[in-house]
Amino acid sequence: MSPEDLNAVLAHYPAIAHPLTKPEALGNAGGHSGVSLWRYESGQGSLLVRAWPSDGIEARPLAQIHQWLALAAALDFVPMPVKDRAGRTIQQHAGRLWDLAPWMPGCAEVRRPPQRARVLAGFSALGSFHQALAGQARFGPSPGLVQRLSEIESLLLGGFDVLQQIVEAANEESPRRDALQWLELARRAAPPCARLLAQAVTVGCRLQPCLRDIRPDHLLFQGNRVTGLIDFGAMRYETVAADLARLLSEWVEDDRWARGEALAAYSSIRRLDDSEGSLIEAFDASAALLGGGHWIRWHFLEGRVFEGPDTVDRGIARGLERLRRRLAGTIH
């Protein structure tokens, strides 16, 4: 996007939100969502401009997300979208949606294993965010588990064979080798996982606005205090078990004690009911099965292009290792 596009968008906002420094282009900040980001200093502090991809989220779902964020306004680690002079939080320009929000201070926890105090603070913050949106709850089956069950059934009904043929015909040794190993293990893991999910989707559970893409790099810290929760583009109705399973798997993996402490920190803010606790296992099992397959499909079947020459290799390798651990039952 050109500087003229950025200026045209920012012209809708009050003067106090206009740049005092030249906006710094951040690309997509290392993500894969296709957004474009700029940071600059203004009269109301550091601000972040986000241009959503033209084929990404639509205006109505984005407006709903902004309304949900407003319900969490009391949480100082949630960046509240800035309103323009007409009271809107979304701009439409050059075929894209744009929004403006505070730049949240702090850095993500990158150490593995992570600092215990930060894990506890992160899960407490997630509990606070969920609790702030608890008034929006309704009941029904988990949309995420319904979708994952459908995906696994499609793999069993010929999807594995399609991927196998495409991967075998490829000439990229590194991702091809790991992809073939994933296919071998996934064929074994899919039938019991499908049975688990078929049972899980019969469970009526509390659904509410959830992040659905919470990762360790979306939690920012200063010391051991959470100062930022970022990236809300995937928010939809879901069980909180989806967010918990995602963050547990990426942050503490299979460490039983760390998982217990993390869930205790969350439950001290927002109590988990029995159905929510049991659904974490269904999300864990299906994510361990499907994660590597997504990278294989994106690369070999759809031909997607990602930043970084080894992004695909690392994605498939991580998915393969997680599936191996799942099948081996390595809980320590």
Protein backbone atom coordinates (compact mmCIF):
# COMPACT_ATOMS: atom_id res chain seq x y z
CA MET A 1 0.00 0.00 0.00
CA SER A 2 1.24 3.51 -0.81
CA PRO A 3 1.85 6.38 1.64
CA GLU A 4 -1.06 8.13 -0.08
CA ASP A 5 -3.38 5.26 0.90
CA LEU A 6 -2.21 5.46 4.51
CA ASN A 7 -2.68 9.23 4.60
CA ALA A 8 -6.17 8.92 3.11
CA VAL A 9 -7.19 6.50 5.85
CA LEU A 10 -5.69 8.53 8.70
CA ALA A 11 -7.39 11.70 7.45
CA HIS A 12 -10.65 10.33 8.89
CA TYR A 13 -9.29 10.43 12.45
CA PRO A 14 -8.99 13.36 14.89
CA ALA A 15 -5.80 15.40 14.70
CA ILE A 16 -4.54 13.93 17.99
CA ALA A 17 -4.31 10.54 16.25
CA HIS A 18 -2.35 11.86 13.26
CA PRO A 19 1.33 10.89 12.88
CA LEU A 20 4.00 12.95 14.59
CA THR A 21 6.64 10.62 13.14
CA LYS A 22 6.93 8.89 9.78
CA PRO A 23 4.88 5.65 9.91
CA GLU A 24 7.12 2.61 10.07
CA ALA A 25 6.06 -0.21 7.76
CA LEU A 26 6.11 -3.52 9.65
CA GLY A 27 4.93 -5.82 6.85
CA ASN A 28 2.81 -8.50 8.50
CA ALA A 29 5.05 -8.63 11.61
CA GLY A 30 6.02 -12.22 10.87
CA GLY A 31 2.48 -13.58 10.60
CA HIS A 32 0.73 -15.39 7.76
CA SER A 33 -2.62 -13.58 7.74
CA GLY A 34 -1.84 -11.20 4.87
CA VAL A 35 -2.32 -8.01 6.90
CA SER A 36 -0.11 -4.95 6.43
CA LEU A 37 0.94 -2.99 9.51
CA TRP A 38 2.39 0.46 10.25
CA ARG A 39 3.46 1.97 13.55
CA TYR A 40 3.83 5.66 14.37
CA GLU A 41 3.85 8.16 17.24
CA SER A 42 0.90 10.46 17.77
CA GLY A 43 -0.52 12.88 20.31
CA GLN A 44 -2.20 9.91 22.02
CA GLY A 45 0.86 7.70 22.04
CA SER A 46 2.11 4.91 19.77
CA LEU A 47 -0.53 3.72 17.32
CA LEU A 48 -0.78 0.79 14.93
CA VAL A 49 -2.52 0.93 11.56
CA ARG A 50 -3.74 -2.38 10.16
CA ALA A 51 -4.80 -2.98 6.55
CA TRP A 52 -6.64 -6.28 6.30
CA PRO A 53 -6.12 -8.38 3.15
CA SER A 54 -8.60 -7.77 0.35
CA ASP A 55 -9.69 -11.42 0.46
CA GLY A 56 -9.75 -11.57 4.25
CA ILE A 57 -12.26 -10.63 6.92
CA GLU A 58 -15.39 -8.73 5.87
CA ALA A 59 -16.69 -5.53 7.43
CA ARG A 60 -19.54 -7.05 9.43
CA PRO A 61 -17.47 -9.71 11.28
CA LEU A 62 -14.72 -7.13 11.93
CA ALA A 63 -17.28 -4.71 13.38
CA GLN A 64 -18.54 -7.52 15.62
CA ILE A 65 -15.00 -8.17 16.86
CA HIS A 66 -14.60 -4.48 17.67
CA GLN A 67 -17.86 -4.58 19.65
CA TRP A 68 -16.60 -7.57 21.61
CA LEU A 69 -13.33 -5.80 22.36
CA ALA A 70 -15.33 -2.89 23.75
CA LEU A 71 -16.79 -5.28 26.33
CA ALA A 72 -13.24 -5.95 27.52
CA ALA A 73 -12.36 -2.26 27.78
CA ALA A 74 -11.59 -2.56 31.51
CA LEU A 75 -8.61 -4.82 30.72
CA ASP A 76 -5.58 -2.63 30.15
CA PHE A 77 -3.83 -5.27 28.02
CA VAL A 78 -6.56 -5.26 25.34
CA PRO A 79 -5.98 -2.66 22.57
CA MET A 80 -9.24 -0.80 21.97
CA PRO A 81 -9.82 0.30 18.34
CA VAL A 82 -9.59 4.07 17.87
CA LYS A 83 -12.74 5.82 16.66
CA ASP A 84 -12.66 8.22 13.73
CA ARG A 85 -14.37 11.60 13.77
CA ALA A 86 -17.68 9.92 12.86
CA GLY A 87 -17.40 7.37 15.68
CA ARG A 88 -16.44 4.48 13.38
CA THR A 89 -13.61 2.03 14.03
CA ILE A 90 -13.33 0.64 10.47
CA GLN A 91 -12.28 2.38 7.26
CA GLN A 92 -12.78 1.05 3.73
CA HIS A 93 -10.17 2.21 1.24
CA ALA A 94 -8.41 0.80 -1.83
CA GLY A 95 -10.41 -2.42 -1.64
CA ARG A 96 -9.31 -3.18 1.92
CA LEU A 97 -10.56 -2.72 5.47
CA TRP A 98 -8.41 -0.65 7.85
CA ASP A 99 -8.39 -0.02 11.57
CA LEU A 100 -6.32 1.89 14.09
CA ALA A 101 -5.42 0.80 17.62
CA PRO A 102 -2.88 1.50 20.35
CA TRP A 103 0.54 -0.10 19.96
CA MET A 104 0.80 -2.43 22.93
CA PRO A 105 4.11 -2.38 24.85
CA GLY A 106 6.13 -5.41 25.85
CA CYS A 107 7.66 -8.50 24.28
CA ALA A 108 6.46 -12.07 23.85
CA GLU A 109 7.91 -14.90 25.95
CA VAL A 110 10.25 -16.69 23.55
CA ARG A 111 12.09 -18.99 25.95
CA ARG A 112 11.41 -22.72 25.89
CA PRO A 113 10.52 -23.84 28.40
CA PRO A 114 8.86 -20.52 29.18
CA GLN A 115 9.15 -18.75 32.52
CA ARG A 116 6.62 -20.24 34.92
CA ALA A 117 5.49 -16.82 36.18
CA ARG A 118 4.73 -15.67 32.64
CA VAL A 119 2.77 -18.81 31.83
CA LEU A 120 0.62 -18.30 34.91
CA ALA A 121 0.13 -14.61 34.10
CA GLY A 122 -0.73 -15.43 30.49
CA PHE A 123 -3.40 -17.97 31.39
CA SER A 124 -4.81 -15.62 34.02
CA ALA A 125 -5.05 -12.89 31.37
CA LEU A 126 -6.82 -15.29 29.02
CA GLY A 127 -9.26 -16.13 31.82
CA SER A 128 -9.93 -12.43 32.39
CA PHE A 129 -10.58 -11.88 28.69
CA HIS A 130 -12.99 -14.81 28.50
CA GLN A 131 -14.73 -13.66 31.66
CA ALA A 132 -15.24 -10.18 30.22
CA LEU A 133 -17.15 -11.75 27.31
CA ALA A 134 -19.02 -14.39 29.30
CA GLY A 135 -22.26 -12.41 29.07
CA GLN A 136 -22.39 -13.17 25.33
CA ALA A 137 -22.63 -16.94 25.90
CA ARG A 138 -25.02 -19.32 24.20
CA PHE A 139 -25.13 -23.12 24.05
CA GLY A 140 -24.51 -25.66 21.31
CA PRO A 141 -21.89 -27.99 19.81
CA SER A 142 -18.39 -26.66 19.24
CA PRO A 143 -18.14 -25.24 15.69
CA GLY A 144 -14.40 -25.96 15.66
CA LEU A 145 -14.80 -29.62 16.53
CA VAL A 146 -17.61 -30.03 13.98
CA GLN A 147 -15.31 -28.60 11.31
CA ARG A 148 -12.37 -30.77 12.37
CA LEU A 149 -14.48 -33.91 12.33
CA SER A 150 -15.58 -33.07 8.79
CA GLU A 151 -11.95 -32.52 7.77
CA ILE A 152 -10.83 -35.86 9.21
CA GLU A 153 -13.72 -37.69 7.56
CA SER A 154 -12.74 -36.11 4.22
CA LEU A 155 -9.17 -37.34 4.66
CA LEU A 156 -10.42 -40.85 5.38
CA LEU A 157 -12.72 -40.77 2.34
CA GLY A 158 -9.92 -40.11 -0.16
CA GLY A 159 -8.13 -36.99 1.01
CA PHE A 160 -5.13 -38.95 2.24
CA ASP A 161 -4.83 -40.61 -1.18
CA VAL A 162 -4.89 -37.26 -2.99
CA LEU A 163 -2.16 -35.83 -0.75
CA GLN A 164 -0.10 -39.02 -1.08
CA GLN A 165 -0.09 -38.82 -4.86
CA ILE A 166 0.87 -35.14 -4.96
CA VAL A 167 3.64 -35.49 -2.37
CA GLU A 168 5.13 -38.58 -4.02
CA ALA A 169 5.32 -36.71 -7.31
CA ALA A 170 7.12 -33.70 -5.76
CA ASN A 171 10.88 -33.26 -6.03
CA GLU A 172 11.56 -31.27 -2.83
CA GLU A 173 13.44 -33.72 -0.65
CA SER A 174 13.11 -32.13 2.80
CA PRO A 175 9.40 -31.32 2.97
CA ARG A 176 8.58 -34.38 0.86
CA ARG A 177 10.28 -36.75 3.31
CA ASP A 178 8.52 -35.34 6.36
CA ALA A 179 5.21 -35.12 4.50
CA LEU A 180 5.33 -38.81 3.60
CA GLN A 181 6.10 -39.72 7.22
CA TRP A 182 3.18 -37.58 8.37
CA LEU A 183 0.86 -39.34 5.93
CA GLU A 184 1.91 -42.74 7.26
CA LEU A 185 1.26 -41.78 10.89
CA ALA A 186 -1.87 -39.74 10.18
CA ARG A 187 -3.59 -42.67 8.46
CA ARG A 188 -3.19 -44.60 11.73
CA ALA A 189 -4.25 -41.74 13.98
CA ALA A 190 -7.31 -40.58 12.02
CA PRO A 191 -9.88 -43.34 12.81
CA PRO A 192 -9.61 -43.13 16.64
CA CYS A 193 -9.50 -39.33 16.46
CA ALA A 194 -12.67 -39.30 14.35
CA ARG A 195 -14.42 -41.46 16.93
CA LEU A 196 -13.33 -39.10 19.73
CA LEU A 197 -14.63 -36.05 17.87
CA ALA A 198 -17.88 -37.76 16.87
CA GLN A 199 -18.60 -38.16 20.58
CA ALA A 200 -17.40 -34.64 21.46
CA VAL A 201 -19.69 -32.89 18.97
CA THR A 202 -22.72 -34.41 20.65
CA VAL A 203 -21.89 -32.45 23.81
CA GLY A 204 -23.76 -29.20 24.24
CA CYS A 205 -21.32 -26.65 25.63
CA ARG A 206 -21.13 -22.98 26.49
CA LEU A 207 -20.11 -20.96 23.42
CA GLN A 208 -18.87 -17.38 23.60
CA PRO A 209 -16.56 -15.03 21.68
CA CYS A 210 -13.12 -16.68 21.70
CA LEU A 211 -9.80 -15.79 20.08
CA ARG A 212 -9.43 -19.11 18.19
CA ASP A 213 -5.82 -18.28 17.30
CA ILE A 214 -4.17 -17.56 20.66
CA ARG A 215 -0.43 -18.21 20.54
CA PRO A 216 2.48 -17.32 22.86
CA ASP A 217 3.60 -14.52 20.52
CA HIS A 218 0.17 -12.89 20.94
CA LEU A 219 0.85 -12.28 24.64
CA LEU A 220 3.18 -9.39 25.47
CA PHE A 221 4.97 -8.93 28.78
CA GLN A 222 6.88 -6.32 30.74
CA GLY A 223 8.53 -8.31 33.48
CA ASN A 224 5.94 -10.90 34.48
CA ARG A 225 2.96 -8.65 33.80
CA VAL A 226 0.84 -9.08 30.68
CA THR A 227 0.81 -5.73 28.87
CA GLY A 228 -0.69 -6.78 25.56
CA LEU A 229 -3.05 -9.33 24.04
CA ILE A 230 -2.94 -8.94 20.27
CA ASP A 231 -4.35 -10.34 17.03
CA PHE A 232 -8.12 -10.71 17.22
CA GLY A 233 -8.87 -11.38 13.55
CA ALA A 234 -9.97 -14.99 14.08
CA MET A 235 -12.48 -14.24 16.87
CA ARG A 236 -15.77 -16.12 16.56
CA TYR A 237 -18.16 -18.06 18.80
CA GLU A 238 -16.45 -21.13 20.24
CA THR A 239 -15.91 -22.98 23.49
CA VAL A 240 -13.09 -21.59 25.64
CA ALA A 241 -11.58 -25.09 25.47
CA ALA A 242 -10.38 -24.21 21.95
CA ASP A 243 -8.29 -21.25 23.19
CA LEU A 244 -6.97 -23.23 26.15
CA ALA A 245 -5.96 -26.22 24.03
CA ARG A 246 -4.20 -23.99 21.50
CA LEU A 247 -2.18 -22.08 24.06
CA LEU A 248 -1.34 -25.19 26.09
CA SER A 249 -0.08 -27.09 23.06
CA GLU A 250 2.14 -24.27 21.81
CA TRP A 251 3.44 -23.05 25.16
CA VAL A 252 3.78 -25.98 27.56
CA GLU A 253 3.27 -28.90 25.15
CA ASP A 254 3.06 -32.22 27.02
CA ASP A 255 4.42 -31.15 30.42
CA ARG A 256 1.68 -32.47 32.72
CA TRP A 257 2.65 -30.30 35.70
CA ALA A 258 2.90 -27.12 33.67
CA ARG A 259 -0.47 -27.82 32.08
CA GLY A 260 -2.04 -28.33 35.49
CA GLU A 261 -0.61 -25.09 36.83
CA ALA A 262 -1.69 -23.16 33.72
CA LEU A 263 -5.27 -24.43 33.96
CA ALA A 264 -5.33 -23.66 37.69
CA ALA A 265 -4.26 -20.07 36.97
CA TYR A 266 -7.01 -19.75 34.37
CA SER A 267 -9.63 -21.32 36.65
CA SER A 268 -8.77 -18.91 39.45
CA ILE A 269 -10.25 -16.19 37.21
CA ARG A 270 -12.88 -18.12 35.25
CA ARG A 271 -14.00 -21.53 36.44
CA LEU A 272 -14.03 -24.32 33.85
CA ASP A 273 -17.13 -26.49 33.79
CA ASP A 274 -16.89 -30.25 33.18
CA SER A 275 -17.72 -30.09 29.47
CA GLU A 276 -15.11 -27.41 28.81
CA GLY A 277 -12.41 -29.40 30.56
CA SER A 278 -13.22 -32.59 28.66
CA LEU A 279 -13.25 -30.85 25.27
CA ILE A 280 -9.62 -29.75 25.65
CA GLU A 281 -8.61 -33.35 24.92
CA ALA A 282 -10.65 -33.42 21.70
CA PHE A 283 -9.01 -30.19 20.52
CA ASP A 284 -5.56 -31.51 21.46
CA ALA A 285 -6.00 -34.78 19.60
CA SER A 286 -7.42 -33.23 16.44
CA ALA A 287 -4.81 -30.45 16.33
CA ALA A 288 -2.00 -32.99 16.70
CA LEU A 289 -3.43 -34.92 13.77
CA LEU A 290 -4.33 -32.06 11.43
CA GLY A 291 -1.57 -29.50 11.98
CA GLY A 292 1.02 -31.07 9.71
CA GLY A 293 -1.61 -31.86 7.11
CA HIS A 294 -2.54 -28.19 6.78
CA TRP A 295 1.02 -27.29 5.85
CA ILE A 296 1.18 -30.18 3.39
CA ARG A 297 -2.06 -29.10 1.72
CA TRP A 298 -1.08 -25.42 1.63
CA HIS A 299 2.30 -26.16 0.05
CA PHE A 300 1.87 -29.20 -2.19
CA LEU A 301 -1.79 -28.84 -3.19
CA GLU A 302 -2.57 -25.12 -3.02
CA GLY A 303 0.89 -23.71 -3.75
CA ARG A 304 0.72 -20.99 -1.09
CA VAL A 305 3.77 -18.79 -0.66
CA PHE A 306 5.04 -17.84 2.81
CA GLU A 307 7.71 -15.45 4.07
CA GLY A 308 10.98 -17.18 4.90
CA PRO A 309 12.64 -19.93 2.84
CA ASP A 310 12.17 -22.63 5.48
CA THR A 311 8.67 -21.73 6.74
CA VAL A 312 7.02 -24.72 5.07
CA ASP A 313 9.77 -27.14 6.13
CA ARG A 314 9.48 -26.04 9.74
CA GLY A 315 5.68 -26.15 9.69
CA ILE A 316 5.54 -29.72 8.38
CA ALA A 317 8.35 -30.84 10.70
CA ARG A 318 6.56 -29.40 13.76
CA GLY A 319 3.33 -31.08 12.74
CA LEU A 320 5.09 -34.41 12.27
CA GLU A 321 6.82 -34.20 15.64
CA ARG A 322 3.59 -33.31 17.43
CA LEU A 323 1.79 -36.26 15.83
CA ARG A 324 4.64 -38.56 16.80
CA ARG A 325 4.42 -37.41 20.42
CA ARG A 326 0.67 -37.87 20.39
CA LEU A 327 0.90 -41.42 19.13
CA ALA A 328 3.71 -42.27 21.54
CA GLY A 329 1.77 -40.80 24.48
CA THR A 330 4.84 -38.97 25.78
CA ILE A 331 3.39 -37.18 28.81
CA HIS A 332 6.00 -36.32 31.44
